[in-house]
Amino acid sequence: MSNARYLAACIFALWFGIVAFFMLLNRALDLEVYFVLGLIGLLVLVVLVDSPFVQPRSMRRIKVLIAMGVAVFGYIVVMKVMEIIGS
């Protein structure tokens, strides 16, 4: 595993830690918000690390993970809209 991958993994873990810290500091623990902020961090990280010419197998797997994350995000949005309409 190259140094760039280790650096990307450390930055991603640091992002999740920062998000968790501020959520605890604000006393607003919400798994949905944590998931969405983590997905945003992953998207930003992939845009910064992705190479336009060569795509390793790990990057393809991460993009599949992102697609699943976007699907879950869509589900969260639909459920929130249904919650607003229902009340």
PDB file of N, CA and C in Angstrom:
ATOM      1  N   MET A   1       0.841  -1.174   0.000  1.00  0.00           N
ATOM      2  CA  MET A   1       0.000   0.000   0.000  1.00  0.00           C
ATOM      3  C   MET A   1       0.886   1.236   0.000  1.00  0.00           C
ATOM      4  N   SER A   2       0.608   2.160  -0.896  1.00  0.00           N
ATOM      5  CA  SER A   2       1.478   3.314  -1.050  1.00  0.00           C
ATOM      6  C   SER A   2       1.228   4.350   0.052  1.00  0.00           C
ATOM      7  N   ASN A   3       2.154   5.280   0.133  1.00  0.00           N
ATOM      8  CA  ASN A   3       2.038   6.341   1.139  1.00  0.00           C
ATOM      9  C   ASN A   3       0.810   7.204   0.906  1.00  0.00           C
ATOM     10  N   ALA A   4       0.442   7.409  -0.356  1.00  0.00           N
ATOM     11  CA  ALA A   4      -0.732   8.232  -0.656  1.00  0.00           C
ATOM     12  C   ALA A   4      -1.998   7.579  -0.119  1.00  0.00           C
ATOM     13  N   ARG A   5      -2.081   6.259  -0.199  1.00  0.00           N
ATOM     14  CA  ARG A   5      -3.254   5.557   0.337  1.00  0.00           C
ATOM     15  C   ARG A   5      -3.313   5.672   1.850  1.00  0.00           C
ATOM     16  N   TYR A   6      -2.159   5.534   2.498  1.00  0.00           N
ATOM     17  CA  TYR A   6      -2.123   5.680   3.961  1.00  0.00           C
ATOM     18  C   TYR A   6      -2.530   7.108   4.355  1.00  0.00           C
ATOM     19  N   LEU A   7      -2.027   8.072   3.619  1.00  0.00           N
ATOM     20  CA  LEU A   7      -2.360   9.457   3.904  1.00  0.00           C
ATOM     21  C   LEU A   7      -3.858   9.695   3.709  1.00  0.00           C
ATOM     22  N   ALA A   8      -4.418   9.156   2.638  1.00  0.00           N
ATOM     23  CA  ALA A   8      -5.855   9.318   2.387  1.00  0.00           C
ATOM     24  C   ALA A   8      -6.674   8.653   3.493  1.00  0.00           C
ATOM     25  N   ALA A   9      -6.266   7.468   3.924  1.00  0.00           N
ATOM     26  CA  ALA A   9      -6.981   6.777   5.001  1.00  0.00           C
ATOM     27  C   ALA A   9      -6.879   7.554   6.309  1.00  0.00           C
ATOM     28  N   CYS A  10      -5.726   8.118   6.589  1.00  0.00           N
ATOM     29  CA  CYS A  10      -5.557   8.918   7.809  1.00  0.00           C
ATOM     30  C   CYS A  10      -6.402  10.190   7.759  1.00  0.00           C
ATOM     31  N   ILE A  11      -6.442  10.831   6.607  1.00  0.00           N
ATOM     32  CA  ILE A  11      -7.253  12.038   6.466  1.00  0.00           C
ATOM     33  C   ILE A  11      -8.728  11.708   6.633  1.00  0.00           C
ATOM     34  N   PHE A  12      -9.162  10.586   6.057  1.00  0.00           N
ATOM     35  CA  PHE A  12     -10.559  10.171   6.176  1.00  0.00           C
ATOM     36  C   PHE A  12     -10.915   9.867   7.628  1.00  0.00           C
ATOM     37  N   ALA A  13     -10.038   9.167   8.326  1.00  0.00           N
ATOM     38  CA  ALA A  13     -10.273   8.866   9.742  1.00  0.00           C
ATOM     39  C   ALA A  13     -10.273  10.155  10.569  1.00  0.00           C
ATOM     40  N   LEU A  14      -9.389  11.075  10.243  1.00  0.00           N
ATOM     41  CA  LEU A  14      -9.347  12.362  10.935  1.00  0.00           C
ATOM     42  C   LEU A  14     -10.644  13.136  10.697  1.00  0.00           C
ATOM     43  N   TRP A  15     -11.166  13.109   9.473  1.00  0.00           N
ATOM     44  CA  TRP A  15     -12.435  13.778   9.158  1.00  0.00           C
ATOM     45  C   TRP A  15     -13.560  13.212  10.014  1.00  0.00           C
ATOM     46  N   PHE A  16     -13.643  11.879  10.092  1.00  0.00           N
ATOM     47  CA  PHE A  16     -14.681  11.261  10.913  1.00  0.00           C
ATOM     48  C   PHE A  16     -14.515  11.644  12.381  1.00  0.00           C
ATOM     49  N   GLY A  17     -13.286  11.722  12.847  1.00  0.00           N
ATOM     50  CA  GLY A  17     -13.039  12.134  14.228  1.00  0.00           C
ATOM     51  C   GLY A  17     -13.447  13.566  14.488  1.00  0.00           C
ATOM     52  N   ILE A  18     -13.152  14.466  13.553  1.00  0.00           N
ATOM     53  CA  ILE A  18     -13.533  15.867  13.701  1.00  0.00           C
ATOM     54  C   ILE A  18     -15.052  16.009  13.724  1.00  0.00           C
ATOM     55  N   VAL A  19     -15.731  15.300  12.816  1.00  0.00           N
ATOM     56  CA  VAL A  19     -17.195  15.351  12.777  1.00  0.00           C
ATOM     57  C   VAL A  19     -17.769  14.845  14.100  1.00  0.00           C
ATOM     58  N   ALA A  20     -17.250  13.717  14.592  1.00  0.00           N
ATOM     59  CA  ALA A  20     -17.742  13.161  15.855  1.00  0.00           C
ATOM     60  C   ALA A  20     -17.467  14.113  17.021  1.00  0.00           C
ATOM     61  N   PHE A  21     -16.298  14.730  17.027  1.00  0.00           N
ATOM     62  CA  PHE A  21     -15.957  15.662  18.098  1.00  0.00           C
ATOM     63  C   PHE A  21     -16.931  16.833  18.148  1.00  0.00           C
ATOM     64  N   PHE A  22     -17.198  17.435  16.998  1.00  0.00           N
ATOM     65  CA  PHE A  22     -18.105  18.576  16.987  1.00  0.00           C
ATOM     66  C   PHE A  22     -19.544  18.171  17.262  1.00  0.00           C
ATOM     67  N   MET A  23     -19.925  16.969  16.871  1.00  0.00           N
ATOM     68  CA  MET A  23     -21.275  16.505  17.212  1.00  0.00           C
ATOM     69  C   MET A  23     -21.398  16.291  18.720  1.00  0.00           C
ATOM     70  N   LEU A  24     -20.366  15.732  19.346  1.00  0.00           N
ATOM     71  CA  LEU A  24     -20.375  15.564  20.798  1.00  0.00           C
ATOM     72  C   LEU A  24     -20.326  16.908  21.507  1.00  0.00           C
ATOM     73  N   LEU A  25     -19.540  17.825  20.975  1.00  0.00           N
ATOM     74  CA  LEU A  25     -19.424  19.153  21.561  1.00  0.00           C
ATOM     75  C   LEU A  25     -20.767  19.884  21.504  1.00  0.00           C
ATOM     76  N   ASN A  26     -21.499  19.671  20.438  1.00  0.00           N
ATOM     77  CA  ASN A  26     -22.802  20.303  20.254  1.00  0.00           C
ATOM     78  C   ASN A  26     -23.937  19.520  20.927  1.00  0.00           C
ATOM     79  N   ARG A  27     -23.614  18.343  21.452  1.00  0.00           N
ATOM     80  CA  ARG A  27     -24.591  17.438  22.065  1.00  0.00           C
ATOM     81  C   ARG A  27     -25.730  17.109  21.102  1.00  0.00           C
ATOM     82  N   ALA A  28     -25.370  16.908  19.848  1.00  0.00           N
ATOM     83  CA  ALA A  28     -26.356  16.584  18.818  1.00  0.00           C
ATOM     84  C   ALA A  28     -25.884  15.332  18.078  1.00  0.00           C
ATOM     85  N   LEU A  29     -26.035  14.187  18.727  1.00  0.00           N
ATOM     86  CA  LEU A  29     -25.618  12.936  18.104  1.00  0.00           C
ATOM     87  C   LEU A  29     -26.734  12.436  17.187  1.00  0.00           C
ATOM     88  N   ASP A  30     -26.481  12.468  15.902  1.00  0.00           N
ATOM     89  CA  ASP A  30     -27.448  12.011  14.920  1.00  0.00           C
ATOM     90  C   ASP A  30     -26.698  11.176  13.890  1.00  0.00           C
ATOM     91  N   LEU A  31     -27.045   9.907  13.809  1.00  0.00           N
ATOM     92  CA  LEU A  31     -26.348   8.989  12.917  1.00  0.00           C
ATOM     93  C   LEU A  31     -26.518   9.385  11.454  1.00  0.00           C
ATOM     94  N   GLU A  32     -27.670   9.911  11.103  1.00  0.00           N
ATOM     95  CA  GLU A  32     -27.906  10.316   9.714  1.00  0.00           C
ATOM     96  C   GLU A  32     -26.996  11.471   9.310  1.00  0.00           C
ATOM     97  N   VAL A  33     -26.856  12.454  10.177  1.00  0.00           N
ATOM     98  CA  VAL A  33     -25.978  13.588   9.894  1.00  0.00           C
ATOM     99  C   VAL A  33     -24.525  13.122   9.830  1.00  0.00           C
ATOM    100  N   TYR A  34     -24.150  12.237  10.730  1.00  0.00           N
ATOM    101  CA  TYR A  34     -22.792  11.687  10.744  1.00  0.00           C
ATOM    102  C   TYR A  34     -22.506  10.948   9.435  1.00  0.00           C
ATOM    103  N   PHE A  35     -23.465  10.157   8.975  1.00  0.00           N
ATOM    104  CA  PHE A  35     -23.311   9.416   7.727  1.00  0.00           C
ATOM    105  C   PHE A  35     -23.162  10.363   6.547  1.00  0.00           C
ATOM    106  N   VAL A  36     -24.005  11.384   6.469  1.00  0.00           N
ATOM    107  CA  VAL A  36     -23.962  12.318   5.345  1.00  0.00           C
ATOM    108  C   VAL A  36     -22.646  13.095   5.338  1.00  0.00           C
ATOM    109  N   LEU A  37     -22.202  13.559   6.489  1.00  0.00           N
ATOM    110  CA  LEU A  37     -20.929  14.277   6.550  1.00  0.00           C
ATOM    111  C   LEU A  37     -19.750  13.362   6.216  1.00  0.00           C
ATOM    112  N   GLY A  38     -19.831  12.102   6.630  1.00  0.00           N
ATOM    113  CA  GLY A  38     -18.794  11.149   6.255  1.00  0.00           C
ATOM    114  C   GLY A  38     -18.775  10.885   4.758  1.00  0.00           C
ATOM    115  N   LEU A  39     -19.961  10.799   4.159  1.00  0.00           N
ATOM    116  CA  LEU A  39     -20.056  10.595   2.707  1.00  0.00           C
ATOM    117  C   LEU A  39     -19.487  11.801   1.965  1.00  0.00           C
ATOM    118  N   ILE A  40     -19.759  12.990   2.452  1.00  0.00           N
ATOM    119  CA  ILE A  40     -19.197  14.190   1.826  1.00  0.00           C
ATOM    120  C   ILE A  40     -17.671  14.162   1.903  1.00  0.00           C
ATOM    121  N   GLY A  41     -17.142  13.775   3.068  1.00  0.00           N
ATOM    122  CA  GLY A  41     -15.690  13.661   3.207  1.00  0.00           C
ATOM    123  C   GLY A  41     -15.100  12.638   2.266  1.00  0.00           C
ATOM    124  N   LEU A  42     -15.782  11.499   2.106  1.00  0.00           N
ATOM    125  CA  LEU A  42     -15.305  10.460   1.184  1.00  0.00           C
ATOM    126  C   LEU A  42     -15.335  10.964  -0.251  1.00  0.00           C
ATOM    127  N   LEU A  43     -16.390  11.659  -0.628  1.00  0.00           N
ATOM    128  CA  LEU A  43     -16.480  12.197  -1.989  1.00  0.00           C
ATOM    129  C   LEU A  43     -15.356  13.193  -2.275  1.00  0.00           C
ATOM    130  N   VAL A  44     -15.099  14.082  -1.338  1.00  0.00           N
ATOM    131  CA  VAL A  44     -14.021  15.054  -1.515  1.00  0.00           C
ATOM    132  C   VAL A  44     -12.675  14.347  -1.621  1.00  0.00           C
ATOM    133  N   LEU A  45     -12.454  13.372  -0.772  1.00  0.00           N
ATOM    134  CA  LEU A  45     -11.192  12.646  -0.785  1.00  0.00           C
ATOM    135  C   LEU A  45     -10.990  11.899  -2.098  1.00  0.00           C
ATOM    136  N   VAL A  46     -12.030  11.272  -2.617  1.00  0.00           N
ATOM    137  CA  VAL A  46     -11.906  10.536  -3.872  1.00  0.00           C
ATOM    138  C   VAL A  46     -11.633  11.489  -5.031  1.00  0.00           C
ATOM    139  N   VAL A  47     -12.265  12.646  -5.030  1.00  0.00           N
ATOM    140  CA  VAL A  47     -12.013  13.621  -6.092  1.00  0.00           C
ATOM    141  C   VAL A  47     -10.555  14.079  -6.056  1.00  0.00           C
ATOM    142  N   LEU A  48     -10.004  14.244  -4.866  1.00  0.00           N
ATOM    143  CA  LEU A  48      -8.617  14.696  -4.750  1.00  0.00           C
ATOM    144  C   LEU A  48      -7.604  13.607  -5.091  1.00  0.00           C
ATOM    145  N   VAL A  49      -7.925  12.348  -4.811  1.00  0.00           N
ATOM    146  CA  VAL A  49      -6.965  11.256  -4.987  1.00  0.00           C
ATOM    147  C   VAL A  49      -7.083  10.593  -6.358  1.00  0.00           C
ATOM    148  N   ASP A  50      -8.252  10.612  -6.956  1.00  0.00           N
ATOM    149  CA  ASP A  50      -8.509   9.871  -8.189  1.00  0.00           C
ATOM    150  C   ASP A  50      -7.650  10.385  -9.337  1.00  0.00           C
ATOM    151  N   SER A  51      -7.105   9.446 -10.089  1.00  0.00           N
ATOM    152  CA  SER A  51      -6.294   9.756 -11.258  1.00  0.00           C
ATOM    153  C   SER A  51      -7.162   9.632 -12.506  1.00  0.00           C
ATOM    154  N   PRO A  52      -7.061  10.579 -13.429  1.00  0.00           N
ATOM    155  CA  PRO A  52      -7.924  10.505 -14.608  1.00  0.00           C
ATOM    156  C   PRO A  52      -7.496   9.440 -15.617  1.00  0.00           C
ATOM    157  N   PHE A  53      -6.275   8.968 -15.543  1.00  0.00           N
ATOM    158  CA  PHE A  53      -5.766   8.061 -16.572  1.00  0.00           C
ATOM    159  C   PHE A  53      -5.709   6.603 -16.135  1.00  0.00           C
ATOM    160  N   VAL A  54      -5.259   6.364 -14.924  1.00  0.00           N
ATOM    161  CA  VAL A  54      -5.130   5.000 -14.416  1.00  0.00           C
ATOM    162  C   VAL A  54      -6.058   4.855 -13.222  1.00  0.00           C
ATOM    163  N   GLN A  55      -6.867   3.779 -13.234  1.00  0.00           N
ATOM    164  CA  GLN A  55      -7.801   3.571 -12.131  1.00  0.00           C
ATOM    165  C   GLN A  55      -7.523   2.209 -11.493  1.00  0.00           C
ATOM    166  N   PRO A  56      -6.892   2.206 -10.323  1.00  0.00           N
ATOM    167  CA  PRO A  56      -6.620   0.924  -9.664  1.00  0.00           C
ATOM    168  C   PRO A  56      -7.910   0.261  -9.187  1.00  0.00           C
ATOM    169  N   ARG A  57      -7.807  -1.014  -8.910  1.00  0.00           N
ATOM    170  CA  ARG A  57      -8.969  -1.785  -8.467  1.00  0.00           C
ATOM    171  C   ARG A  57      -9.566  -1.213  -7.183  1.00  0.00           C
ATOM    172  N   SER A  58      -8.723  -0.723  -6.295  1.00  0.00           N
ATOM    173  CA  SER A  58      -9.224  -0.166  -5.037  1.00  0.00           C
ATOM    174  C   SER A  58     -10.099   1.064  -5.286  1.00  0.00           C
ATOM    175  N   MET A  59      -9.753   1.873  -6.285  1.00  0.00           N
ATOM    176  CA  MET A  59     -10.551   3.065  -6.578  1.00  0.00           C
ATOM    177  C   MET A  59     -11.914   2.671  -7.152  1.00  0.00           C
ATOM    178  N   ARG A  60     -11.950   1.624  -7.962  1.00  0.00           N
ATOM    179  CA  ARG A  60     -13.236   1.144  -8.476  1.00  0.00           C
ATOM    180  C   ARG A  60     -14.112   0.646  -7.336  1.00  0.00           C
ATOM    181  N   ARG A  61     -13.519  -0.031  -6.372  1.00  0.00           N
ATOM    182  CA  ARG A  61     -14.282  -0.508  -5.219  1.00  0.00           C
ATOM    183  C   ARG A  61     -14.796   0.648  -4.372  1.00  0.00           C
ATOM    184  N   ILE A  62     -13.993   1.673  -4.221  1.00  0.00           N
ATOM    185  CA  ILE A  62     -14.431   2.844  -3.464  1.00  0.00           C
ATOM    186  C   ILE A  62     -15.594   3.525  -4.169  1.00  0.00           C
ATOM    187  N   LYS A  63     -15.547   3.560  -5.500  1.00  0.00           N
ATOM    188  CA  LYS A  63     -16.646   4.183  -6.245  1.00  0.00           C
ATOM    189  C   LYS A  63     -17.935   3.378  -6.107  1.00  0.00           C
ATOM    190  N   VAL A  64     -17.834   2.060  -5.995  1.00  0.00           N
ATOM    191  CA  VAL A  64     -19.024   1.239  -5.725  1.00  0.00           C
ATOM    192  C   VAL A  64     -19.552   1.562  -4.330  1.00  0.00           C
ATOM    193  N   LEU A  65     -18.660   1.710  -3.372  1.00  0.00           N
ATOM    194  CA  LEU A  65     -19.051   2.094  -2.018  1.00  0.00           C
ATOM    195  C   LEU A  65     -19.733   3.462  -2.011  1.00  0.00           C
ATOM    196  N   ILE A  66     -19.219   4.388  -2.811  1.00  0.00           N
ATOM    197  CA  ILE A  66     -19.837   5.710  -2.918  1.00  0.00           C
ATOM    198  C   ILE A  66     -21.235   5.598  -3.511  1.00  0.00           C
ATOM    199  N   ALA A  67     -21.398   4.763  -4.531  1.00  0.00           N
ATOM    200  CA  ALA A  67     -22.725   4.587  -5.139  1.00  0.00           C
ATOM    201  C   ALA A  67     -23.715   4.050  -4.113  1.00  0.00           C
ATOM    202  N   MET A  68     -23.285   3.105  -3.298  1.00  0.00           N
ATOM    203  CA  MET A  68     -24.170   2.592  -2.246  1.00  0.00           C
ATOM    204  C   MET A  68     -24.471   3.683  -1.218  1.00  0.00           C
ATOM    205  N   GLY A  69     -23.472   4.498  -0.889  1.00  0.00           N
ATOM    206  CA  GLY A  69     -23.675   5.596   0.051  1.00  0.00           C
ATOM    207  C   GLY A  69     -24.651   6.631  -0.483  1.00  0.00           C
ATOM    208  N   VAL A  70     -24.579   6.913  -1.770  1.00  0.00           N
ATOM    209  CA  VAL A  70     -25.520   7.864  -2.370  1.00  0.00           C
ATOM    210  C   VAL A  70     -26.930   7.289  -2.356  1.00  0.00           C
ATOM    211  N   ALA A  71     -27.058   5.969  -2.566  1.00  0.00           N
ATOM    212  CA  ALA A  71     -28.377   5.335  -2.493  1.00  0.00           C
ATOM    213  C   ALA A  71     -28.951   5.451  -1.078  1.00  0.00           C
ATOM    214  N   VAL A  72     -28.134   5.224  -0.067  1.00  0.00           N
ATOM    215  CA  VAL A  72     -28.588   5.367   1.322  1.00  0.00           C
ATOM    216  C   VAL A  72     -28.943   6.822   1.606  1.00  0.00           C
ATOM    217  N   PHE A  73     -28.153   7.754   1.075  1.00  0.00           N
ATOM    218  CA  PHE A  73     -28.456   9.170   1.237  1.00  0.00           C
ATOM    219  C   PHE A  73     -29.814   9.502   0.617  1.00  0.00           C
ATOM    220  N   GLY A  74     -30.078   8.970  -0.561  1.00  0.00           N
ATOM    221  CA  GLY A  74     -31.378   9.175  -1.194  1.00  0.00           C
ATOM    222  C   GLY A  74     -32.506   8.636  -0.337  1.00  0.00           C
ATOM    223  N   TYR A  75     -32.296   7.470   0.265  1.00  0.00           N
ATOM    224  CA  TYR A  75     -33.298   6.896   1.163  1.00  0.00           C
ATOM    225  C   TYR A  75     -33.544   7.811   2.365  1.00  0.00           C
ATOM    226  N   ILE A  76     -32.473   8.353   2.931  1.00  0.00           N
ATOM    227  CA  ILE A  76     -32.603   9.261   4.076  1.00  0.00           C
ATOM    228  C   ILE A  76     -33.401  10.498   3.675  1.00  0.00           C
ATOM    229  N   VAL A  77     -33.110  11.043   2.503  1.00  0.00           N
ATOM    230  CA  VAL A  77     -33.827  12.234   2.041  1.00  0.00           C
ATOM    231  C   VAL A  77     -35.305  11.925   1.844  1.00  0.00           C
ATOM    232  N   VAL A  78     -35.605  10.783   1.216  1.00  0.00           N
ATOM    233  CA  VAL A  78     -37.004  10.414   0.997  1.00  0.00           C
ATOM    234  C   VAL A  78     -37.724  10.243   2.336  1.00  0.00           C
ATOM    235  N   MET A  79     -37.098   9.601   3.299  1.00  0.00           N
ATOM    236  CA  MET A  79     -37.722   9.403   4.596  1.00  0.00           C
ATOM    237  C   MET A  79     -37.953  10.739   5.313  1.00  0.00           C
ATOM    238  N   LYS A  80     -37.020  11.671   5.211  1.00  0.00           N
ATOM    239  CA  LYS A  80     -37.193  12.989   5.829  1.00  0.00           C
ATOM    240  C   LYS A  80     -38.340  13.742   5.157  1.00  0.00           C
ATOM    241  N   VAL A  81     -38.433  13.661   3.835  1.00  0.00           N
ATOM    242  CA  VAL A  81     -39.539  14.326   3.140  1.00  0.00           C
ATOM    243  C   VAL A  81     -40.864  13.713   3.543  1.00  0.00           C
ATOM    244  N   MET A  82     -40.911  12.389   3.633  1.00  0.00           N
ATOM    245  CA  MET A  82     -42.143  11.724   4.058  1.00  0.00           C
ATOM    246  C   MET A  82     -42.510  12.117   5.489  1.00  0.00           C
ATOM    247  N   GLU A  83     -41.508  12.278   6.326  1.00  0.00           N
ATOM    248  CA  GLU A  83     -41.738  12.712   7.706  1.00  0.00           C
ATOM    249  C   GLU A  83     -42.326  14.115   7.751  1.00  0.00           C
ATOM    250  N   ILE A  84     -41.818  14.998   6.893  1.00  0.00           N
ATOM    251  CA  ILE A  84     -42.331  16.370   6.851  1.00  0.00           C
ATOM    252  C   ILE A  84     -43.745  16.397   6.293  1.00  0.00           C
ATOM    253  N   ILE A  85     -44.000  15.621   5.258  1.00  0.00           N
ATOM    254  CA  ILE A  85     -45.332  15.583   4.661  1.00  0.00           C
ATOM    255  C   ILE A  85     -46.335  14.968   5.625  1.00  0.00           C
ATOM    256  N   GLY A  86     -45.915  13.946   6.351  1.00  0.00           N
ATOM    257  CA  GLY A  86     -46.803  13.261   7.285  1.00  0.00           C
ATOM    258  C   GLY A  86     -47.197  14.080   8.495  1.00  0.00           C
ATOM    259  N   SER A  87     -46.390  15.065   8.853  1.00  0.00           N
ATOM    260  CA  SER A  87     -46.724  15.847  10.046  1.00  0.00           C
ATOM    261  C   SER A  87     -47.386  17.119   9.708  1.00  0.00           C
TER     262      SER A  87
END
